[in-house]
Amino acid sequence: MDKLKLIKNLRKIAKDKGLALAKVREGRHEIWAIGSQRIQIHRHNEIQEGTAAKILNVARRVQPDQRGQT
């Protein structure tokens, strides 16, 4: 999956939950946050389909009132 498409999907998931998607930091991976949930994304332009699916599943499980859990 194209990384930009993955980020777009993450933004939609966050918006549907009433939360914001924000880039926290960059390194070997980009760290993004939906609410207090941190999500690691490889810095490649293409993300393997299985990896992208797992990232999206983590994002879908985020609860709007979730605090301090990783």
PDB file of N, CA and C in Angstrom:
ATOM      1  N   MET A   1       0.856  -1.178   0.000  1.00  0.00           N
ATOM      2  CA  MET A   1       0.000   0.000   0.000  1.00  0.00           C
ATOM      3  C   MET A   1       0.900   1.237   0.000  1.00  0.00           C
ATOM      4  N   ASP A   2       0.531   2.206  -0.747  1.00  0.00           N
ATOM      5  CA  ASP A   2       1.244   3.465  -0.777  1.00  0.00           C
ATOM      6  C   ASP A   2       1.129   4.138   0.601  1.00  0.00           C
ATOM      7  N   LYS A   3       2.249   4.668   1.120  1.00  0.00           N
ATOM      8  CA  LYS A   3       2.234   5.257   2.460  1.00  0.00           C
ATOM      9  C   LYS A   3       1.264   6.429   2.548  1.00  0.00           C
ATOM     10  N   LEU A   4       1.157   7.228   1.508  1.00  0.00           N
ATOM     11  CA  LEU A   4       0.229   8.361   1.534  1.00  0.00           C
ATOM     12  C   LEU A   4      -1.221   7.880   1.654  1.00  0.00           C
ATOM     13  N   LYS A   5      -1.537   6.763   1.000  1.00  0.00           N
ATOM     14  CA  LYS A   5      -2.883   6.190   1.110  1.00  0.00           C
ATOM     15  C   LYS A   5      -3.120   5.682   2.531  1.00  0.00           C
ATOM     16  N   LEU A   6      -2.097   5.079   3.134  1.00  0.00           N
ATOM     17  CA  LEU A   6      -2.199   4.608   4.510  1.00  0.00           C
ATOM     18  C   LEU A   6      -2.452   5.773   5.464  1.00  0.00           C
ATOM     19  N   ILE A   7      -1.722   6.862   5.303  1.00  0.00           N
ATOM     20  CA  ILE A   7      -1.897   8.044   6.159  1.00  0.00           C
ATOM     21  C   ILE A   7      -3.301   8.625   5.964  1.00  0.00           C
ATOM     22  N   LYS A   8      -3.767   8.651   4.719  1.00  0.00           N
ATOM     23  CA  LYS A   8      -5.118   9.149   4.441  1.00  0.00           C
ATOM     24  C   LYS A   8      -6.161   8.298   5.170  1.00  0.00           C
ATOM     25  N   ASN A   9      -5.992   6.975   5.135  1.00  0.00           N
ATOM     26  CA  ASN A   9      -6.913   6.083   5.838  1.00  0.00           C
ATOM     27  C   ASN A   9      -6.850   6.305   7.350  1.00  0.00           C
ATOM     28  N   LEU A  10      -5.654   6.522   7.883  1.00  0.00           N
ATOM     29  CA  LEU A  10      -5.509   6.786   9.315  1.00  0.00           C
ATOM     30  C   LEU A  10      -6.205   8.095   9.702  1.00  0.00           C
ATOM     31  N   ARG A  11      -6.075   9.114   8.858  1.00  0.00           N
ATOM     32  CA  ARG A  11      -6.760  10.388   9.129  1.00  0.00           C
ATOM     33  C   ARG A  11      -8.279  10.196   9.178  1.00  0.00           C
ATOM     34  N   LYS A  12      -8.804   9.400   8.249  1.00  0.00           N
ATOM     35  CA  LYS A  12     -10.248   9.150   8.216  1.00  0.00           C
ATOM     36  C   LYS A  12     -10.696   8.403   9.473  1.00  0.00           C
ATOM     37  N   ILE A  13      -9.946   7.400   9.878  1.00  0.00           N
ATOM     38  CA  ILE A  13     -10.278   6.647  11.087  1.00  0.00           C
ATOM     39  C   ILE A  13     -10.271   7.572  12.294  1.00  0.00           C
ATOM     40  N   ALA A  14      -9.236   8.402  12.401  1.00  0.00           N
ATOM     41  CA  ALA A  14      -9.137   9.333  13.530  1.00  0.00           C
ATOM     42  C   ALA A  14     -10.303  10.314  13.524  1.00  0.00           C
ATOM     43  N   LYS A  15     -10.623  10.859  12.355  1.00  0.00           N
ATOM     44  CA  LYS A  15     -11.720  11.823  12.247  1.00  0.00           C
ATOM     45  C   LYS A  15     -13.047  11.184  12.642  1.00  0.00           C
ATOM     46  N   ASP A  16     -13.271   9.946  12.203  1.00  0.00           N
ATOM     47  CA  ASP A  16     -14.514   9.243  12.540  1.00  0.00           C
ATOM     48  C   ASP A  16     -14.649   9.032  14.049  1.00  0.00           C
ATOM     49  N   LYS A  17     -13.527   8.943  14.747  1.00  0.00           N
ATOM     50  CA  LYS A  17     -13.534   8.758  16.196  1.00  0.00           C
ATOM     51  C   LYS A  17     -13.510  10.090  16.947  1.00  0.00           C
ATOM     52  N   GLY A  18     -13.442  11.192  16.201  1.00  0.00           N
ATOM     53  CA  GLY A  18     -13.388  12.506  16.828  1.00  0.00           C
ATOM     54  C   GLY A  18     -12.010  12.836  17.391  1.00  0.00           C
ATOM     55  N   LEU A  19     -10.981  12.189  16.841  1.00  0.00           N
ATOM     56  CA  LEU A  19      -9.616  12.400  17.305  1.00  0.00           C
ATOM     57  C   LEU A  19      -8.773  12.968  16.175  1.00  0.00           C
ATOM     58  N   ALA A  20      -7.592  13.427  16.533  1.00  0.00           N
ATOM     59  CA  ALA A  20      -6.672  13.969  15.539  1.00  0.00           C
ATOM     60  C   ALA A  20      -5.554  12.968  15.284  1.00  0.00           C
ATOM     61  N   LEU A  21      -5.036  12.973  14.077  1.00  0.00           N
ATOM     62  CA  LEU A  21      -3.851  12.202  13.734  1.00  0.00           C
ATOM     63  C   LEU A  21      -2.699  13.188  13.681  1.00  0.00           C
ATOM     64  N   ALA A  22      -1.636  12.911  14.422  1.00  0.00           N
ATOM     65  CA  ALA A  22      -0.496  13.830  14.460  1.00  0.00           C
ATOM     66  C   ALA A  22       0.802  13.053  14.377  1.00  0.00           C
ATOM     67  N   LYS A  23       1.762  13.594  13.618  1.00  0.00           N
ATOM     68  CA  LYS A  23       3.085  12.989  13.573  1.00  0.00           C
ATOM     69  C   LYS A  23       3.833  13.418  14.828  1.00  0.00           C
ATOM     70  N   VAL A  24       4.316  12.438  15.583  1.00  0.00           N
ATOM     71  CA  VAL A  24       5.000  12.717  16.841  1.00  0.00           C
ATOM     72  C   VAL A  24       6.493  12.923  16.611  1.00  0.00           C
ATOM     73  N   ARG A  25       7.109  11.998  15.861  1.00  0.00           N
ATOM     74  CA  ARG A  25       8.534  12.147  15.578  1.00  0.00           C
ATOM     75  C   ARG A  25       8.933  11.251  14.420  1.00  0.00           C
ATOM     76  N   GLU A  26      10.153  11.478  13.931  1.00  0.00           N
ATOM     77  CA  GLU A  26      10.713  10.676  12.852  1.00  0.00           C
ATOM     78  C   GLU A  26      12.043  10.107  13.298  1.00  0.00           C
ATOM     79  N   GLY A  27      12.370   8.984  12.769  1.00  0.00           N
ATOM     80  CA  GLY A  27      13.637   8.307  13.005  1.00  0.00           C
ATOM     81  C   GLY A  27      13.700   7.213  11.961  1.00  0.00           C
ATOM     82  N   ARG A  28      14.029   6.001  12.384  1.00  0.00           N
ATOM     83  CA  ARG A  28      13.959   4.875  11.448  1.00  0.00           C
ATOM     84  C   ARG A  28      12.515   4.595  11.061  1.00  0.00           C
ATOM     85  N   HIS A  29      11.616   4.933  11.953  1.00  0.00           N
ATOM     86  CA  HIS A  29      10.180   4.844  11.702  1.00  0.00           C
ATOM     87  C   HIS A  29       9.571   6.209  11.979  1.00  0.00           C
ATOM     88  N   GLU A  30       8.424   6.457  11.382  1.00  0.00           N
ATOM     89  CA  GLU A  30       7.650   7.638  11.755  1.00  0.00           C
ATOM     90  C   GLU A  30       6.716   7.201  12.866  1.00  0.00           C
ATOM     91  N   ILE A  31       6.576   8.018  13.886  1.00  0.00           N
ATOM     92  CA  ILE A  31       5.663   7.731  14.975  1.00  0.00           C
ATOM     93  C   ILE A  31       4.487   8.690  14.836  1.00  0.00           C
ATOM     94  N   TRP A  32       3.302   8.126  14.685  1.00  0.00           N
ATOM     95  CA  TRP A  32       2.068   8.888  14.556  1.00  0.00           C
ATOM     96  C   TRP A  32       1.211   8.615  15.776  1.00  0.00           C
ATOM     97  N   ALA A  33       0.341   9.524  16.116  1.00  0.00           N
ATOM     98  CA  ALA A  33      -0.539   9.337  17.264  1.00  0.00           C
ATOM     99  C   ALA A  33      -1.980   9.616  16.866  1.00  0.00           C
ATOM    100  N   ILE A  34      -2.849   8.723  17.320  1.00  0.00           N
ATOM    101  CA  ILE A  34      -4.294   8.941  17.255  1.00  0.00           C
ATOM    102  C   ILE A  34      -4.720   8.969  18.709  1.00  0.00           C
ATOM    103  N   GLY A  35      -5.111  10.144  19.171  1.00  0.00           N
ATOM    104  CA  GLY A  35      -5.361  10.286  20.606  1.00  0.00           C
ATOM    105  C   GLY A  35      -4.053  10.027  21.331  1.00  0.00           C
ATOM    106  N   SER A  36      -4.051   9.104  22.280  1.00  0.00           N
ATOM    107  CA  SER A  36      -2.825   8.775  22.995  1.00  0.00           C
ATOM    108  C   SER A  36      -2.165   7.504  22.458  1.00  0.00           C
ATOM    109  N   GLN A  37      -2.759   6.866  21.461  1.00  0.00           N
ATOM    110  CA  GLN A  37      -2.197   5.646  20.878  1.00  0.00           C
ATOM    111  C   GLN A  37      -1.101   5.998  19.880  1.00  0.00           C
ATOM    112  N   ARG A  38       0.091   5.455  20.084  1.00  0.00           N
ATOM    113  CA  ARG A  38       1.208   5.671  19.169  1.00  0.00           C
ATOM    114  C   ARG A  38       1.247   4.548  18.144  1.00  0.00           C
ATOM    115  N   ILE A  39       1.526   4.903  16.896  1.00  0.00           N
ATOM    116  CA  ILE A  39       1.578   3.937  15.806  1.00  0.00           C
ATOM    117  C   ILE A  39       2.873   4.155  15.036  1.00  0.00           C
ATOM    118  N   GLN A  40       3.657   3.088  14.863  1.00  0.00           N
ATOM    119  CA  GLN A  40       4.899   3.159  14.098  1.00  0.00           C
ATOM    120  C   GLN A  40       4.617   2.836  12.638  1.00  0.00           C
ATOM    121  N   ILE A  41       5.193   3.634  11.744  1.00  0.00           N
ATOM    122  CA  ILE A  41       5.057   3.396  10.314  1.00  0.00           C
ATOM    123  C   ILE A  41       6.442   3.476   9.698  1.00  0.00           C
ATOM    124  N   HIS A  42       6.783   2.481   8.891  1.00  0.00           N
ATOM    125  CA  HIS A  42       8.069   2.485   8.204  1.00  0.00           C
ATOM    126  C   HIS A  42       8.187   3.730   7.330  1.00  0.00           C
ATOM    127  N   ARG A  43       9.411   4.152   7.091  1.00  0.00           N
ATOM    128  CA  ARG A  43       9.630   5.358   6.295  1.00  0.00           C
ATOM    129  C   ARG A  43       9.701   5.073   4.795  1.00  0.00           C
ATOM    130  N   HIS A  44       9.302   3.897   4.371  1.00  0.00           N
ATOM    131  CA  HIS A  44       9.304   3.558   2.952  1.00  0.00           C
ATOM    132  C   HIS A  44       8.079   4.156   2.275  1.00  0.00           C
ATOM    133  N   ASN A  45       8.182   4.360   0.957  1.00  0.00           N
ATOM    134  CA  ASN A  45       7.032   4.876   0.207  1.00  0.00           C
ATOM    135  C   ASN A  45       5.949   3.820   0.054  1.00  0.00           C
ATOM    136  N   GLU A  46       6.343   2.560   0.009  1.00  0.00           N
ATOM    137  CA  GLU A  46       5.399   1.450  -0.097  1.00  0.00           C
ATOM    138  C   GLU A  46       5.452   0.652   1.194  1.00  0.00           C
ATOM    139  N   ILE A  47       4.293   0.398   1.769  1.00  0.00           N
ATOM    140  CA  ILE A  47       4.155  -0.401   2.981  1.00  0.00           C
ATOM    141  C   ILE A  47       3.534  -1.730   2.562  1.00  0.00           C
ATOM    142  N   GLN A  48       4.093  -2.844   3.028  1.00  0.00           N
ATOM    143  CA  GLN A  48       3.542  -4.147   2.679  1.00  0.00           C
ATOM    144  C   GLN A  48       2.085  -4.225   3.121  1.00  0.00           C
ATOM    145  N   GLU A  49       1.274  -4.915   2.329  1.00  0.00           N
ATOM    146  CA  GLU A  49      -0.168  -4.990   2.586  1.00  0.00           C
ATOM    147  C   GLU A  49      -0.480  -5.537   3.975  1.00  0.00           C
ATOM    148  N   GLY A  50       0.214  -6.577   4.391  1.00  0.00           N
ATOM    149  CA  GLY A  50      -0.030  -7.160   5.711  1.00  0.00           C
ATOM    150  C   GLY A  50       0.302  -6.188   6.827  1.00  0.00           C
ATOM    151  N   THR A  51       1.402  -5.471   6.668  1.00  0.00           N
ATOM    152  CA  THR A  51       1.803  -4.480   7.663  1.00  0.00           C
ATOM    153  C   THR A  51       0.793  -3.341   7.720  1.00  0.00           C
ATOM    154  N   ALA A  52       0.361  -2.876   6.548  1.00  0.00           N
ATOM    155  CA  ALA A  52      -0.626  -1.790   6.490  1.00  0.00           C
ATOM    156  C   ALA A  52      -1.931  -2.226   7.146  1.00  0.00           C
ATOM    157  N   ALA A  53      -2.344  -3.473   6.911  1.00  0.00           N
ATOM    158  CA  ALA A  53      -3.583  -3.977   7.510  1.00  0.00           C
ATOM    159  C   ALA A  53      -3.479  -4.000   9.031  1.00  0.00           C
ATOM    160  N   LYS A  54      -2.322  -4.420   9.551  1.00  0.00           N
ATOM    161  CA  LYS A  54      -2.130  -4.446  11.005  1.00  0.00           C
ATOM    162  C   LYS A  54      -2.146  -3.038  11.587  1.00  0.00           C
ATOM    163  N   ILE A  55      -1.530  -2.086  10.898  1.00  0.00           N
ATOM    164  CA  ILE A  55      -1.521  -0.695  11.360  1.00  0.00           C
ATOM    165  C   ILE A  55      -2.952  -0.160  11.402  1.00  0.00           C
ATOM    166  N   LEU A  56      -3.723  -0.416  10.368  1.00  0.00           N
ATOM    167  CA  LEU A  56      -5.108   0.058  10.322  1.00  0.00           C
ATOM    168  C   LEU A  56      -5.959  -0.616  11.399  1.00  0.00           C
ATOM    169  N   ASN A  57      -5.701  -1.891  11.690  1.00  0.00           N
ATOM    170  CA  ASN A  57      -6.439  -2.579  12.753  1.00  0.00           C
ATOM    171  C   ASN A  57      -6.160  -1.952  14.111  1.00  0.00           C
ATOM    172  N   VAL A  58      -4.905  -1.596  14.358  1.00  0.00           N
ATOM    173  CA  VAL A  58      -4.563  -0.917  15.618  1.00  0.00           C
ATOM    174  C   VAL A  58      -5.325   0.397  15.707  1.00  0.00           C
ATOM    175  N   ALA A  59      -5.341   1.147  14.608  1.00  0.00           N
ATOM    176  CA  ALA A  59      -6.029   2.444  14.599  1.00  0.00           C
ATOM    177  C   ALA A  59      -7.530   2.276  14.827  1.00  0.00           C
ATOM    178  N   ARG A  60      -8.118   1.246  14.258  1.00  0.00           N
ATOM    179  CA  ARG A  60      -9.559   1.024  14.416  1.00  0.00           C
ATOM    180  C   ARG A  60      -9.931   0.670  15.849  1.00  0.00           C
ATOM    181  N   ARG A  61      -9.010   0.075  16.601  1.00  0.00           N
ATOM    182  CA  ARG A  61      -9.284  -0.329  17.982  1.00  0.00           C
ATOM    183  C   ARG A  61      -9.129   0.815  18.983  1.00  0.00           C
ATOM    184  N   VAL A  62      -8.601   1.954  18.555  1.00  0.00           N
ATOM    185  CA  VAL A  62      -8.412   3.085  19.459  1.00  0.00           C
ATOM    186  C   VAL A  62      -9.771   3.575  19.945  1.00  0.00           C
ATOM    187  N   GLN A  63      -9.871   3.783  21.240  1.00  0.00           N
ATOM    188  CA  GLN A  63     -11.091   4.310  21.835  1.00  0.00           C
ATOM    189  C   GLN A  63     -10.907   5.809  22.059  1.00  0.00           C
ATOM    190  N   PRO A  64     -11.932   6.605  21.774  1.00  0.00           N
ATOM    191  CA  PRO A  64     -11.810   8.059  21.938  1.00  0.00           C
ATOM    192  C   PRO A  64     -11.402   8.483  23.344  1.00  0.00           C
ATOM    193  N   ASP A  65     -11.743   7.695  24.379  1.00  0.00           N
ATOM    194  CA  ASP A  65     -11.414   8.085  25.739  1.00  0.00           C
ATOM    195  C   ASP A  65     -10.160   7.360  26.242  1.00  0.00           C
ATOM    196  N   GLN A  66      -9.427   6.681  25.343  1.00  0.00           N
ATOM    197  CA  GLN A  66      -8.233   5.940  25.723  1.00  0.00           C
ATOM    198  C   GLN A  66      -7.137   6.918  26.148  1.00  0.00           C
ATOM    199  N   ARG A  67      -6.565   6.662  27.331  1.00  0.00           N
ATOM    200  CA  ARG A  67      -5.523   7.560  27.827  1.00  0.00           C
ATOM    201  C   ARG A  67      -4.340   6.741  28.326  1.00  0.00           C
ATOM    202  N   GLY A  68      -3.146   7.124  27.867  1.00  0.00           N
ATOM    203  CA  GLY A  68      -1.927   6.570  28.388  1.00  0.00           C
ATOM    204  C   GLY A  68      -1.644   5.120  28.080  1.00  0.00           C
ATOM    205  N   GLN A  69      -2.337   4.525  27.124  1.00  0.00           N
ATOM    206  CA  GLN A  69      -2.060   3.148  26.780  1.00  0.00           C
ATOM    207  C   GLN A  69      -1.295   3.098  25.490  1.00  0.00           C
ATOM    208  N   THR A  70      -0.347   2.161  25.386  1.00  0.00           N
ATOM    209  CA  THR A  70       0.414   1.995  24.151  1.00  0.00           C
ATOM    210  C   THR A  70       0.297   0.606  23.624  1.00  0.00           C
TER     211      THR A  70
END
